[in-house]
Amino acid sequence: MLIRNINETPMSPVQMEGVKGASMALMVGREDGAPNFALRCFKVEPGGHTPRHAHDYEHEVFVVSGGGEVLLGGAYRELKAGDVVYIPADHEHQFRAKDQGLQFLCLVPVERQCGDPTPGS
């Protein structure tokens, strides 16, 4: 069993091409004994964004706080705290933060927790 607080878990800057002002913390993963899924927390600074990207697996996103937009299905759509986003495999997507910044949780297959550090992966 594990209890970890989202506000007390250290964040690390996401270092990759196409990212501006994004950081990540692994909330639950392989190292915690999770056999199937990894839960990651992303924070995107006001005006920041994740890269435009796609990958071969689905993932689910829950917006914790702030607001912004997500590119999905070729169009940007507004996001606010409490929204849930399902991103199918092989769909290009990107998250952009507005003035208040954006914080979201992202659920991915555990084998992708560190092998693909792309935000929203």
PDB file of N, CA and C in Angstrom:
ATOM      1  N   MET A   1       0.842  -1.172   0.000  1.00  0.00           N
ATOM      2  CA  MET A   1       0.000   0.000   0.000  1.00  0.00           C
ATOM      3  C   MET A   1       0.890   1.238   0.000  1.00  0.00           C
ATOM      4  N   LEU A   2       0.388   2.316  -0.591  1.00  0.00           N
ATOM      5  CA  LEU A   2       1.151   3.547  -0.700  1.00  0.00           C
ATOM      6  C   LEU A   2       0.218   4.743  -0.553  1.00  0.00           C
ATOM      7  N   ILE A   3       0.651   5.722   0.184  1.00  0.00           N
ATOM      8  CA  ILE A   3      -0.037   7.014   0.237  1.00  0.00           C
ATOM      9  C   ILE A   3       1.034   8.061  -0.043  1.00  0.00           C
ATOM     10  N   ARG A   4       0.795   8.870  -1.055  1.00  0.00           N
ATOM     11  CA  ARG A   4       1.732   9.923  -1.436  1.00  0.00           C
ATOM     12  C   ARG A   4       0.913  11.169  -1.743  1.00  0.00           C
ATOM     13  N   ASN A   5       1.356  12.314  -1.258  1.00  0.00           N
ATOM     14  CA  ASN A   5       0.620  13.561  -1.452  1.00  0.00           C
ATOM     15  C   ASN A   5       1.097  14.292  -2.702  1.00  0.00           C
ATOM     16  N   ILE A   6       0.154  14.687  -3.544  1.00  0.00           N
ATOM     17  CA  ILE A   6       0.468  15.361  -4.804  1.00  0.00           C
ATOM     18  C   ILE A   6       1.215  16.670  -4.579  1.00  0.00           C
ATOM     19  N   ASN A   7       0.950  17.356  -3.469  1.00  0.00           N
ATOM     20  CA  ASN A   7       1.583  18.643  -3.187  1.00  0.00           C
ATOM     21  C   ASN A   7       2.937  18.515  -2.502  1.00  0.00           C
ATOM     22  N   GLU A   8       3.290  17.301  -2.087  1.00  0.00           N
ATOM     23  CA  GLU A   8       4.553  17.093  -1.374  1.00  0.00           C
ATOM     24  C   GLU A   8       5.550  16.256  -2.165  1.00  0.00           C
ATOM     25  N   THR A   9       5.178  15.826  -3.359  1.00  0.00           N
ATOM     26  CA  THR A   9       6.056  14.999  -4.186  1.00  0.00           C
ATOM     27  C   THR A   9       6.907  15.912  -5.073  1.00  0.00           C
ATOM     28  N   PRO A  10       8.242  15.796  -4.998  1.00  0.00           N
ATOM     29  CA  PRO A  10       9.117  16.669  -5.791  1.00  0.00           C
ATOM     30  C   PRO A  10       8.886  16.519  -7.296  1.00  0.00           C
ATOM     31  N   MET A  11       8.884  17.656  -7.980  1.00  0.00           N
ATOM     32  CA  MET A  11       8.721  17.697  -9.429  1.00  0.00           C
ATOM     33  C   MET A  11      10.105  17.867 -10.061  1.00  0.00           C
ATOM     34  N   SER A  12      10.263  17.317 -11.271  1.00  0.00           N
ATOM     35  CA  SER A  12      11.490  17.497 -12.048  1.00  0.00           C
ATOM     36  C   SER A  12      11.132  18.111 -13.392  1.00  0.00           C
ATOM     37  N   PRO A  13      11.943  19.046 -13.878  1.00  0.00           N
ATOM     38  CA  PRO A  13      11.658  19.635 -15.193  1.00  0.00           C
ATOM     39  C   PRO A  13      11.667  18.563 -16.281  1.00  0.00           C
ATOM     40  N   VAL A  14      10.750  18.675 -17.222  1.00  0.00           N
ATOM     41  CA  VAL A  14      10.733  17.772 -18.366  1.00  0.00           C
ATOM     42  C   VAL A  14      11.721  18.339 -19.381  1.00  0.00           C
ATOM     43  N   GLN A  15      12.742  17.562 -19.699  1.00  0.00           N
ATOM     44  CA  GLN A  15      13.814  17.996 -20.593  1.00  0.00           C
ATOM     45  C   GLN A  15      13.684  17.289 -21.932  1.00  0.00           C
ATOM     46  N   MET A  16      12.979  17.905 -22.862  1.00  0.00           N
ATOM     47  CA  MET A  16      12.894  17.341 -24.201  1.00  0.00           C
ATOM     48  C   MET A  16      12.472  18.429 -25.180  1.00  0.00           C
ATOM     49  N   GLU A  17      12.736  18.200 -26.439  1.00  0.00           N
ATOM     50  CA  GLU A  17      12.402  19.165 -27.472  1.00  0.00           C
ATOM     51  C   GLU A  17      10.894  19.379 -27.549  1.00  0.00           C
ATOM     52  N   GLY A  18      10.501  20.640 -27.699  1.00  0.00           N
ATOM     53  CA  GLY A  18       9.092  20.961 -27.841  1.00  0.00           C
ATOM     54  C   GLY A  18       8.368  21.236 -26.541  1.00  0.00           C
ATOM     55  N   VAL A  19       9.072  21.186 -25.405  1.00  0.00           N
ATOM     56  CA  VAL A  19       8.459  21.433 -24.095  1.00  0.00           C
ATOM     57  C   VAL A  19       8.828  22.828 -23.623  1.00  0.00           C
ATOM     58  N   LYS A  20       7.869  23.525 -23.045  1.00  0.00           N
ATOM     59  CA  LYS A  20       8.137  24.836 -22.447  1.00  0.00           C
ATOM     60  C   LYS A  20       7.458  24.886 -21.082  1.00  0.00           C
ATOM     61  N   GLY A  21       8.261  24.975 -20.029  1.00  0.00           N
ATOM     62  CA  GLY A  21       7.735  25.191 -18.685  1.00  0.00           C
ATOM     63  C   GLY A  21       6.936  24.043 -18.108  1.00  0.00           C
ATOM     64  N   ALA A  22       7.332  22.797 -18.367  1.00  0.00           N
ATOM     65  CA  ALA A  22       6.616  21.635 -17.823  1.00  0.00           C
ATOM     66  C   ALA A  22       7.511  20.853 -16.877  1.00  0.00           C
ATOM     67  N   SER A  23       6.918  20.357 -15.794  1.00  0.00           N
ATOM     68  CA  SER A  23       7.629  19.496 -14.847  1.00  0.00           C
ATOM     69  C   SER A  23       6.747  18.295 -14.516  1.00  0.00           C
ATOM     70  N   MET A  24       7.387  17.236 -13.996  1.00  0.00           N
ATOM     71  CA  MET A  24       6.674  15.982 -13.761  1.00  0.00           C
ATOM     72  C   MET A  24       7.117  15.336 -12.458  1.00  0.00           C
ATOM     73  N   ALA A  25       6.183  14.627 -11.826  1.00  0.00           N
ATOM     74  CA  ALA A  25       6.477  13.782 -10.665  1.00  0.00           C
ATOM     75  C   ALA A  25       5.799  12.435 -10.891  1.00  0.00           C
ATOM     76  N   LEU A  26       6.501  11.373 -10.587  1.00  0.00           N
ATOM     77  CA  LEU A  26       5.917  10.037 -10.649  1.00  0.00           C
ATOM     78  C   LEU A  26       5.208   9.786  -9.323  1.00  0.00           C
ATOM     79  N   MET A  27       3.895   9.669  -9.370  1.00  0.00           N
ATOM     80  CA  MET A  27       3.098   9.486  -8.156  1.00  0.00           C
ATOM     81  C   MET A  27       3.048   8.016  -7.737  1.00  0.00           C
ATOM     82  N   VAL A  28       2.860   7.123  -8.691  1.00  0.00           N
ATOM     83  CA  VAL A  28       2.842   5.677  -8.453  1.00  0.00           C
ATOM     84  C   VAL A  28       3.426   5.013  -9.690  1.00  0.00           C
ATOM     85  N   GLY A  29       4.312   4.059  -9.485  1.00  0.00           N
ATOM     86  CA  GLY A  29       4.923   3.395 -10.627  1.00  0.00           C
ATOM     87  C   GLY A  29       5.482   2.035 -10.278  1.00  0.00           C
ATOM     88  N   ARG A  30       6.296   1.552 -11.171  1.00  0.00           N
ATOM     89  CA  ARG A  30       6.901   0.223 -11.046  1.00  0.00           C
ATOM     90  C   ARG A  30       7.647   0.077  -9.717  1.00  0.00           C
ATOM     91  N   GLU A  31       8.397   1.120  -9.325  1.00  0.00           N
ATOM     92  CA  GLU A  31       9.176   1.065  -8.088  1.00  0.00           C
ATOM     93  C   GLU A  31       8.293   0.927  -6.845  1.00  0.00           C
ATOM     94  N   ASP A  32       7.019   1.271  -6.971  1.00  0.00           N
ATOM     95  CA  ASP A  32       6.076   1.158  -5.860  1.00  0.00           C
ATOM     96  C   ASP A  32       5.339  -0.172  -5.872  1.00  0.00           C
ATOM     97  N   GLY A  33       5.664  -1.035  -6.838  1.00  0.00           N
ATOM     98  CA  GLY A  33       5.027  -2.337  -6.944  1.00  0.00           C
ATOM     99  C   GLY A  33       3.801  -2.361  -7.843  1.00  0.00           C
ATOM    100  N   ALA A  34       3.535  -1.269  -8.558  1.00  0.00           N
ATOM    101  CA  ALA A  34       2.378  -1.230  -9.462  1.00  0.00           C
ATOM    102  C   ALA A  34       2.669  -2.105 -10.678  1.00  0.00           C
ATOM    103  N   PRO A  35       1.872  -3.151 -10.915  1.00  0.00           N
ATOM    104  CA  PRO A  35       2.159  -4.069 -12.009  1.00  0.00           C
ATOM    105  C   PRO A  35       1.645  -3.631 -13.378  1.00  0.00           C
ATOM    106  N   ASN A  36       0.670  -2.723 -13.420  1.00  0.00           N
ATOM    107  CA  ASN A  36       0.034  -2.417 -14.705  1.00  0.00           C
ATOM    108  C   ASN A  36       0.074  -0.959 -15.128  1.00  0.00           C
ATOM    109  N   PHE A  37      -0.098  -0.039 -14.196  1.00  0.00           N
ATOM    110  CA  PHE A  37      -0.232   1.367 -14.551  1.00  0.00           C
ATOM    111  C   PHE A  37       0.701   2.254 -13.745  1.00  0.00           C
ATOM    112  N   ALA A  38       1.097   3.365 -14.347  1.00  0.00           N
ATOM    113  CA  ALA A  38       1.866   4.403 -13.665  1.00  0.00           C
ATOM    114  C   ALA A  38       1.028   5.675 -13.675  1.00  0.00           C
ATOM    115  N   LEU A  39       1.031   6.381 -12.556  1.00  0.00           N
ATOM    116  CA  LEU A  39       0.305   7.634 -12.435  1.00  0.00           C
ATOM    117  C   LEU A  39       1.323   8.747 -12.271  1.00  0.00           C
ATOM    118  N   ARG A  40       1.275   9.708 -13.202  1.00  0.00           N
ATOM    119  CA  ARG A  40       2.227  10.810 -13.191  1.00  0.00           C
ATOM    120  C   ARG A  40       1.489  12.128 -13.032  1.00  0.00           C
ATOM    121  N   CYS A  41       2.143  13.080 -12.408  1.00  0.00           N
ATOM    122  CA  CYS A  41       1.584  14.416 -12.239  1.00  0.00           C
ATOM    123  C   CYS A  41       2.427  15.388 -13.053  1.00  0.00           C
ATOM    124  N   PHE A  42       1.778  16.196 -13.871  1.00  0.00           N
ATOM    125  CA  PHE A  42       2.452  17.226 -14.658  1.00  0.00           C
ATOM    126  C   PHE A  42       1.969  18.601 -14.230  1.00  0.00           C
ATOM    127  N   LYS A  43       2.900  19.537 -14.165  1.00  0.00           N
ATOM    128  CA  LYS A  43       2.575  20.947 -13.973  1.00  0.00           C
ATOM    129  C   LYS A  43       3.142  21.696 -15.169  1.00  0.00           C
ATOM    130  N   VAL A  44       2.301  22.549 -15.750  1.00  0.00           N
ATOM    131  CA  VAL A  44       2.724  23.363 -16.880  1.00  0.00           C
ATOM    132  C   VAL A  44       2.546  24.819 -16.472  1.00  0.00           C
ATOM    133  N   GLU A  45       3.625  25.576 -16.541  1.00  0.00           N
ATOM    134  CA  GLU A  45       3.606  26.980 -16.138  1.00  0.00           C
ATOM    135  C   GLU A  45       2.713  27.793 -17.076  1.00  0.00           C
ATOM    136  N   PRO A  46       2.206  28.938 -16.606  1.00  0.00           N
ATOM    137  CA  PRO A  46       1.406  29.799 -17.471  1.00  0.00           C
ATOM    138  C   PRO A  46       2.132  30.081 -18.795  1.00  0.00           C
ATOM    139  N   GLY A  47       1.451  29.866 -19.895  1.00  0.00           N
ATOM    140  CA  GLY A  47       2.038  30.059 -21.215  1.00  0.00           C
ATOM    141  C   GLY A  47       2.897  28.900 -21.690  1.00  0.00           C
ATOM    142  N   GLY A  48       3.068  27.877 -20.859  1.00  0.00           N
ATOM    143  CA  GLY A  48       3.891  26.723 -21.227  1.00  0.00           C
ATOM    144  C   GLY A  48       3.094  25.674 -21.966  1.00  0.00           C
ATOM    145  N   HIS A  49       3.797  24.629 -22.419  1.00  0.00           N
ATOM    146  CA  HIS A  49       3.134  23.559 -23.167  1.00  0.00           C
ATOM    147  C   HIS A  49       3.975  22.289 -23.196  1.00  0.00           C
ATOM    148  N   THR A  50       3.317  21.207 -23.497  1.00  0.00           N
ATOM    149  CA  THR A  50       3.975  19.933 -23.769  1.00  0.00           C
ATOM    150  C   THR A  50       4.206  19.867 -25.276  1.00  0.00           C
ATOM    151  N   PRO A  51       4.996  18.907 -25.765  1.00  0.00           N
ATOM    152  CA  PRO A  51       5.204  18.825 -27.210  1.00  0.00           C
ATOM    153  C   PRO A  51       3.975  18.244 -27.912  1.00  0.00           C
ATOM    154  N   ARG A  52       3.847  18.537 -29.187  1.00  0.00           N
ATOM    155  CA  ARG A  52       2.845  17.842 -30.007  1.00  0.00           C
ATOM    156  C   ARG A  52       3.426  16.465 -30.286  1.00  0.00           C
ATOM    157  N   HIS A  53       2.676  15.430 -29.937  1.00  0.00           N
ATOM    158  CA  HIS A  53       3.212  14.076 -30.095  1.00  0.00           C
ATOM    159  C   HIS A  53       2.078  13.059 -30.143  1.00  0.00           C
ATOM    160  N   ALA A  54       2.431  11.851 -30.525  1.00  0.00           N
ATOM    161  CA  ALA A  54       1.513  10.705 -30.519  1.00  0.00           C
ATOM    162  C   ALA A  54       2.336   9.481 -30.136  1.00  0.00           C
ATOM    163  N   HIS A  55       1.671   8.434 -29.664  1.00  0.00           N
ATOM    164  CA  HIS A  55       2.338   7.183 -29.324  1.00  0.00           C
ATOM    165  C   HIS A  55       1.354   6.039 -29.452  1.00  0.00           C
ATOM    166  N   ASP A  56       1.860   4.836 -29.323  1.00  0.00           N
ATOM    167  CA  ASP A  56       1.066   3.643 -29.646  1.00  0.00           C
ATOM    168  C   ASP A  56       0.258   3.075 -28.478  1.00  0.00           C
ATOM    169  N   TYR A  57      -0.057   3.874 -27.501  1.00  0.00           N
ATOM    170  CA  TYR A  57      -0.879   3.415 -26.375  1.00  0.00           C
ATOM    171  C   TYR A  57      -1.806   4.538 -25.931  1.00  0.00           C
ATOM    172  N   GLU A  58      -2.928   4.157 -25.377  1.00  0.00           N
ATOM    173  CA  GLU A  58      -3.891   5.126 -24.844  1.00  0.00           C
ATOM    174  C   GLU A  58      -3.407   5.669 -23.513  1.00  0.00           C
ATOM    175  N   HIS A  59      -3.989   6.775 -23.117  1.00  0.00           N
ATOM    176  CA  HIS A  59      -3.837   7.219 -21.734  1.00  0.00           C
ATOM    177  C   HIS A  59      -5.000   8.114 -21.350  1.00  0.00           C
ATOM    178  N   GLU A  60      -5.139   8.251 -20.045  1.00  0.00           N
ATOM    179  CA  GLU A  60      -6.227   9.021 -19.462  1.00  0.00           C
ATOM    180  C   GLU A  60      -5.626  10.158 -18.639  1.00  0.00           C
ATOM    181  N   VAL A  61      -6.307  11.304 -18.673  1.00  0.00           N
ATOM    182  CA  VAL A  61      -5.808  12.499 -18.002  1.00  0.00           C
ATOM    183  C   VAL A  61      -6.926  13.082 -17.147  1.00  0.00           C
ATOM    184  N   PHE A  62      -6.566  13.529 -15.935  1.00  0.00           N
ATOM    185  CA  PHE A  62      -7.491  14.237 -15.058  1.00  0.00           C
ATOM    186  C   PHE A  62      -6.868  15.590 -14.731  1.00  0.00           C
ATOM    187  N   VAL A  63      -7.588  16.673 -15.008  1.00  0.00           N
ATOM    188  CA  VAL A  63      -7.090  18.023 -14.724  1.00  0.00           C
ATOM    189  C   VAL A  63      -7.346  18.336 -13.255  1.00  0.00           C
ATOM    190  N   VAL A  64      -6.268  18.535 -12.516  1.00  0.00           N
ATOM    191  CA  VAL A  64      -6.331  18.788 -11.085  1.00  0.00           C
ATOM    192  C   VAL A  64      -6.630  20.260 -10.806  1.00  0.00           C
ATOM    193  N   SER A  65      -5.907  21.143 -11.487  1.00  0.00           N
ATOM    194  CA  SER A  65      -6.092  22.577 -11.235  1.00  0.00           C
ATOM    195  C   SER A  65      -5.673  23.388 -12.445  1.00  0.00           C
ATOM    196  N   GLY A  66      -6.084  24.646 -12.435  1.00  0.00           N
ATOM    197  CA  GLY A  66      -5.736  25.555 -13.511  1.00  0.00           C
ATOM    198  C   GLY A  66      -6.605  25.353 -14.731  1.00  0.00           C
ATOM    199  N   GLY A  67      -6.058  25.744 -15.860  1.00  0.00           N
ATOM    200  CA  GLY A  67      -6.804  25.623 -17.100  1.00  0.00           C
ATOM    201  C   GLY A  67      -5.895  25.760 -18.292  1.00  0.00           C
ATOM    202  N   GLY A  68      -6.431  25.401 -19.438  1.00  0.00           N
ATOM    203  CA  GLY A  68      -5.661  25.470 -20.660  1.00  0.00           C
ATOM    204  C   GLY A  68      -6.416  24.861 -21.814  1.00  0.00           C
ATOM    205  N   GLU A  69      -5.655  24.237 -22.693  1.00  0.00           N
ATOM    206  CA  GLU A  69      -6.220  23.605 -23.885  1.00  0.00           C
ATOM    207  C   GLU A  69      -5.518  22.287 -24.136  1.00  0.00           C
ATOM    208  N   VAL A  70      -6.230  21.384 -24.792  1.00  0.00           N
ATOM    209  CA  VAL A  70      -5.633  20.144 -25.259  1.00  0.00           C
ATOM    210  C   VAL A  70      -5.896  20.028 -26.757  1.00  0.00           C
ATOM    211  N   LEU A  71      -4.856  19.671 -27.506  1.00  0.00           N
ATOM    212  CA  LEU A  71      -5.001  19.367 -28.919  1.00  0.00           C
ATOM    213  C   LEU A  71      -5.420  17.914 -29.012  1.00  0.00           C
ATOM    214  N   LEU A  72      -6.567  17.680 -29.590  1.00  0.00           N
ATOM    215  CA  LEU A  72      -7.069  16.316 -29.738  1.00  0.00           C
ATOM    216  C   LEU A  72      -8.035  16.291 -30.915  1.00  0.00           C
ATOM    217  N   GLY A  73      -7.872  15.340 -31.796  1.00  0.00           N
ATOM    218  CA  GLY A  73      -8.725  15.260 -32.971  1.00  0.00           C
ATOM    219  C   GLY A  73      -8.515  16.429 -33.918  1.00  0.00           C
ATOM    220  N   GLY A  74      -7.295  16.996 -33.921  1.00  0.00           N
ATOM    221  CA  GLY A  74      -6.966  18.081 -34.828  1.00  0.00           C
ATOM    222  C   GLY A  74      -7.412  19.462 -34.391  1.00  0.00           C
ATOM    223  N   ALA A  75      -8.014  19.593 -33.212  1.00  0.00           N
ATOM    224  CA  ALA A  75      -8.488  20.891 -32.742  1.00  0.00           C
ATOM    225  C   ALA A  75      -8.137  21.074 -31.269  1.00  0.00           C
ATOM    226  N   TYR A  76      -7.934  22.329 -30.872  1.00  0.00           N
ATOM    227  CA  TYR A  76      -7.700  22.629 -29.465  1.00  0.00           C
ATOM    228  C   TYR A  76      -9.042  22.777 -28.763  1.00  0.00           C
ATOM    229  N   ARG A  77      -9.119  22.184 -27.573  1.00  0.00           N
ATOM    230  CA  ARG A  77     -10.337  22.241 -26.765  1.00  0.00           C
ATOM    231  C   ARG A  77      -9.988  22.742 -25.384  1.00  0.00           C
ATOM    232  N   GLU A  78     -10.867  23.548 -24.818  1.00  0.00           N
ATOM    233  CA  GLU A  78     -10.650  24.137 -23.498  1.00  0.00           C
ATOM    234  C   GLU A  78     -10.616  23.053 -22.414  1.00  0.00           C
ATOM    235  N   LEU A  79      -9.780  23.299 -21.403  1.00  0.00           N
ATOM    236  CA  LEU A  79      -9.691  22.418 -20.239  1.00  0.00           C
ATOM    237  C   LEU A  79      -9.797  23.248 -18.971  1.00  0.00           C
ATOM    238  N   LYS A  80     -10.420  22.651 -17.952  1.00  0.00           N
ATOM    239  CA  LYS A  80     -10.498  23.298 -16.636  1.00  0.00           C
ATOM    240  C   LYS A  80     -10.406  22.215 -15.568  1.00  0.00           C
ATOM    241  N   ALA A  81     -10.177  22.632 -14.346  1.00  0.00           N
ATOM    242  CA  ALA A  81     -10.085  21.693 -13.230  1.00  0.00           C
ATOM    243  C   ALA A  81     -11.322  20.806 -13.186  1.00  0.00           C
ATOM    244  N   GLY A  82     -11.099  19.517 -12.999  1.00  0.00           N
ATOM    245  CA  GLY A  82     -12.187  18.548 -12.942  1.00  0.00           C
ATOM    246  C   GLY A  82     -12.439  17.830 -14.249  1.00  0.00           C
ATOM    247  N   ASP A  83     -11.873  18.317 -15.363  1.00  0.00           N
ATOM    248  CA  ASP A  83     -12.083  17.660 -16.658  1.00  0.00           C
ATOM    249  C   ASP A  83     -11.276  16.373 -16.757  1.00  0.00           C
ATOM    250  N   VAL A  84     -11.818  15.410 -17.489  1.00  0.00           N
ATOM    251  CA  VAL A  84     -11.154  14.145 -17.791  1.00  0.00           C
ATOM    252  C   VAL A  84     -11.001  14.054 -19.296  1.00  0.00           C
ATOM    253  N   VAL A  85      -9.823  13.617 -19.749  1.00  0.00           N
ATOM    254  CA  VAL A  85      -9.544  13.483 -21.170  1.00  0.00           C
ATOM    255  C   VAL A  85      -9.097  12.056 -21.453  1.00  0.00           C
ATOM    256  N   TYR A  86      -9.694  11.433 -22.450  1.00  0.00           N
ATOM    257  CA  TYR A  86      -9.241  10.124 -22.935  1.00  0.00           C
ATOM    258  C   TYR A  86      -8.513  10.367 -24.248  1.00  0.00           C
ATOM    259  N   ILE A  87      -7.276   9.926 -24.327  1.00  0.00           N
ATOM    260  CA  ILE A  87      -6.479  10.081 -25.534  1.00  0.00           C
ATOM    261  C   ILE A  87      -6.209   8.692 -26.098  1.00  0.00           C
ATOM    262  N   PRO A  88      -6.834   8.357 -27.237  1.00  0.00           N
ATOM    263  CA  PRO A  88      -6.619   7.041 -27.845  1.00  0.00           C
ATOM    264  C   PRO A  88      -5.185   6.894 -28.360  1.00  0.00           C
ATOM    265  N   ALA A  89      -4.749   5.683 -28.538  1.00  0.00           N
ATOM    266  CA  ALA A  89      -3.436   5.409 -29.119  1.00  0.00           C
ATOM    267  C   ALA A  89      -3.346   6.045 -30.503  1.00  0.00           C
ATOM    268  N   ASP A  90      -2.147   6.498 -30.851  1.00  0.00           N
ATOM    269  CA  ASP A  90      -1.828   7.034 -32.171  1.00  0.00           C
ATOM    270  C   ASP A  90      -2.544   8.332 -32.521  1.00  0.00           C
ATOM    271  N   HIS A  91      -3.037   9.077 -31.529  1.00  0.00           N
ATOM    272  CA  HIS A  91      -3.663  10.387 -31.764  1.00  0.00           C
ATOM    273  C   HIS A  91      -2.708  11.496 -31.313  1.00  0.00           C
ATOM    274  N   GLU A  92      -2.429  12.427 -32.205  1.00  0.00           N
ATOM    275  CA  GLU A  92      -1.568  13.545 -31.852  1.00  0.00           C
ATOM    276  C   GLU A  92      -2.261  14.396 -30.780  1.00  0.00           C
ATOM    277  N   HIS A  93      -1.490  14.845 -29.792  1.00  0.00           N
ATOM    278  CA  HIS A  93      -2.042  15.661 -28.722  1.00  0.00           C
ATOM    279  C   HIS A  93      -0.964  16.575 -28.148  1.00  0.00           C
ATOM    280  N   GLN A  94      -1.438  17.618 -27.473  1.00  0.00           N
ATOM    281  CA  GLN A  94      -0.572  18.579 -26.809  1.00  0.00           C
ATOM    282  C   GLN A  94      -1.390  19.287 -25.737  1.00  0.00           C
ATOM    283  N   PHE A  95      -0.755  19.615 -24.633  1.00  0.00           N
ATOM    284  CA  PHE A  95      -1.399  20.387 -23.571  1.00  0.00           C
ATOM    285  C   PHE A  95      -0.756  21.768 -23.511  1.00  0.00           C
ATOM    286  N   ARG A  96      -1.592  22.812 -23.433  1.00  0.00           N
ATOM    287  CA  ARG A  96      -1.109  24.184 -23.314  1.00  0.00           C
ATOM    288  C   ARG A  96      -1.776  24.837 -22.108  1.00  0.00           C
ATOM    289  N   ALA A  97      -0.971  25.497 -21.289  1.00  0.00           N
ATOM    290  CA  ALA A  97      -1.497  26.158 -20.089  1.00  0.00           C
ATOM    291  C   ALA A  97      -1.869  27.599 -20.400  1.00  0.00           C
ATOM    292  N   LYS A  98      -2.931  28.045 -19.749  1.00  0.00           N
ATOM    293  CA  LYS A  98      -3.323  29.456 -19.848  1.00  0.00           C
ATOM    294  C   LYS A  98      -2.724  30.212 -18.666  1.00  0.00           C
ATOM    295  N   ASP A  99      -3.259  31.379 -18.370  1.00  0.00           N
ATOM    296  CA  ASP A  99      -2.674  32.288 -17.382  1.00  0.00           C
ATOM    297  C   ASP A  99      -2.478  31.697 -15.991  1.00  0.00           C
ATOM    298  N   GLN A 100      -3.333  30.802 -15.560  1.00  0.00           N
ATOM    299  CA  GLN A 100      -3.226  30.251 -14.211  1.00  0.00           C
ATOM    300  C   GLN A 100      -2.371  28.988 -14.141  1.00  0.00           C
ATOM    301  N   GLY A 101      -1.828  28.556 -15.262  1.00  0.00           N
ATOM    302  CA  GLY A 101      -1.059  27.321 -15.290  1.00  0.00           C
ATOM    303  C   GLY A 101      -1.988  26.120 -15.369  1.00  0.00           C
ATOM    304  N   LEU A 102      -1.411  24.940 -15.431  1.00  0.00           N
ATOM    305  CA  LEU A 102      -2.190  23.709 -15.607  1.00  0.00           C
ATOM    306  C   LEU A 102      -1.503  22.580 -14.850  1.00  0.00           C
ATOM    307  N   GLN A 103      -2.270  21.841 -14.064  1.00  0.00           N
ATOM    308  CA  GLN A 103      -1.761  20.655 -13.381  1.00  0.00           C
ATOM    309  C   GLN A 103      -2.682  19.501 -13.723  1.00  0.00           C
ATOM    310  N   PHE A 104      -2.091  18.369 -14.168  1.00  0.00           N
ATOM    311  CA  PHE A 104      -2.916  17.214 -14.498  1.00  0.00           C
ATOM    312  C   PHE A 104      -2.222  15.913 -14.127  1.00  0.00           C
ATOM    313  N   LEU A 105      -3.041  14.915 -13.891  1.00  0.00           N
ATOM    314  CA  LEU A 105      -2.573  13.553 -13.650  1.00  0.00           C
ATOM    315  C   LEU A 105      -2.728  12.772 -14.942  1.00  0.00           C
ATOM    316  N   CYS A 106      -1.772  11.909 -15.219  1.00  0.00           N
ATOM    317  CA  CYS A 106      -1.760  11.131 -16.456  1.00  0.00           C
ATOM    318  C   CYS A 106      -1.504   9.665 -16.115  1.00  0.00           C
ATOM    319  N   LEU A 107      -2.388   8.802 -16.553  1.00  0.00           N
ATOM    320  CA  LEU A 107      -2.279   7.364 -16.307  1.00  0.00           C
ATOM    321  C   LEU A 107      -1.779   6.688 -17.579  1.00  0.00           C
ATOM    322  N   VAL A 108      -0.673   5.935 -17.469  1.00  0.00           N
ATOM    323  CA  VAL A 108      -0.071   5.241 -18.617  1.00  0.00           C
ATOM    324  C   VAL A 108       0.298   3.813 -18.217  1.00  0.00           C
ATOM    325  N   PRO A 109       0.534   2.945 -19.206  1.00  0.00           N
ATOM    326  CA  PRO A 109       1.038   1.608 -18.872  1.00  0.00           C
ATOM    327  C   PRO A 109       2.362   1.726 -18.113  1.00  0.00           C
ATOM    328  N   VAL A 110       2.550   0.919 -17.106  1.00  0.00           N
ATOM    329  CA  VAL A 110       3.723   1.037 -16.241  1.00  0.00           C
ATOM    330  C   VAL A 110       5.025   0.916 -17.031  1.00  0.00           C
ATOM    331  N   GLU A 111       5.042   0.157 -18.105  1.00  0.00           N
ATOM    332  CA  GLU A 111       6.274   0.030 -18.888  1.00  0.00           C
ATOM    333  C   GLU A 111       6.629   1.324 -19.609  1.00  0.00           C
ATOM    334  N   ARG A 112       5.716   2.293 -19.637  1.00  0.00           N
ATOM    335  CA  ARG A 112       5.971   3.587 -20.281  1.00  0.00           C
ATOM    336  C   ARG A 112       6.262   4.691 -19.271  1.00  0.00           C
ATOM    337  N   GLN A 113       6.297   4.386 -17.983  1.00  0.00           N
ATOM    338  CA  GLN A 113       6.449   5.419 -16.967  1.00  0.00           C
ATOM    339  C   GLN A 113       7.732   6.209 -17.126  1.00  0.00           C
ATOM    340  N   CYS A 114       8.825   5.564 -17.468  1.00  0.00           N
ATOM    341  CA  CYS A 114      10.097   6.259 -17.601  1.00  0.00           C
ATOM    342  C   CYS A 114      10.684   6.121 -18.994  1.00  0.00           C
ATOM    343  N   GLY A 115      10.298   5.079 -19.714  1.00  0.00           N
ATOM    344  CA  GLY A 115      10.838   4.853 -21.043  1.00  0.00           C
ATOM    345  C   GLY A 115      10.410   5.906 -22.045  1.00  0.00           C
ATOM    346  N   ASP A 116       9.283   6.559 -21.801  1.00  0.00           N
ATOM    347  CA  ASP A 116       8.789   7.640 -22.656  1.00  0.00           C
ATOM    348  C   ASP A 116       8.333   8.763 -21.745  1.00  0.00           C
ATOM    349  N   PRO A 117       9.247   9.694 -21.400  1.00  0.00           N
ATOM    350  CA  PRO A 117       8.889  10.750 -20.448  1.00  0.00           C
ATOM    351  C   PRO A 117       8.088  11.886 -21.057  1.00  0.00           C
ATOM    352  N   THR A 118       7.511  11.684 -22.220  1.00  0.00           N
ATOM    353  CA  THR A 118       6.740  12.724 -22.875  1.00  0.00           C
ATOM    354  C   THR A 118       5.526  13.104 -22.043  1.00  0.00           C
ATOM    355  N   PRO A 119       5.344  14.398 -21.747  1.00  0.00           N
ATOM    356  CA  PRO A 119       4.178  14.811 -20.998  1.00  0.00           C
ATOM    357  C   PRO A 119       2.874  14.365 -21.664  1.00  0.00           C
ATOM    358  N   GLY A 120       1.988  13.907 -20.872  1.00  0.00           N
ATOM    359  CA  GLY A 120       0.716  13.439 -21.402  1.00  0.00           C
ATOM    360  C   GLY A 120       0.850  12.100 -22.059  1.00  0.00           C
ATOM    361  N   SER A 121       2.015  11.428 -21.926  1.00  0.00           N
ATOM    362  CA  SER A 121       2.203  10.108 -22.514  1.00  0.00           C
ATOM    363  C   SER A 121       1.426   9.086 -21.734  1.00  0.00           C
TER     364      SER A 121
END
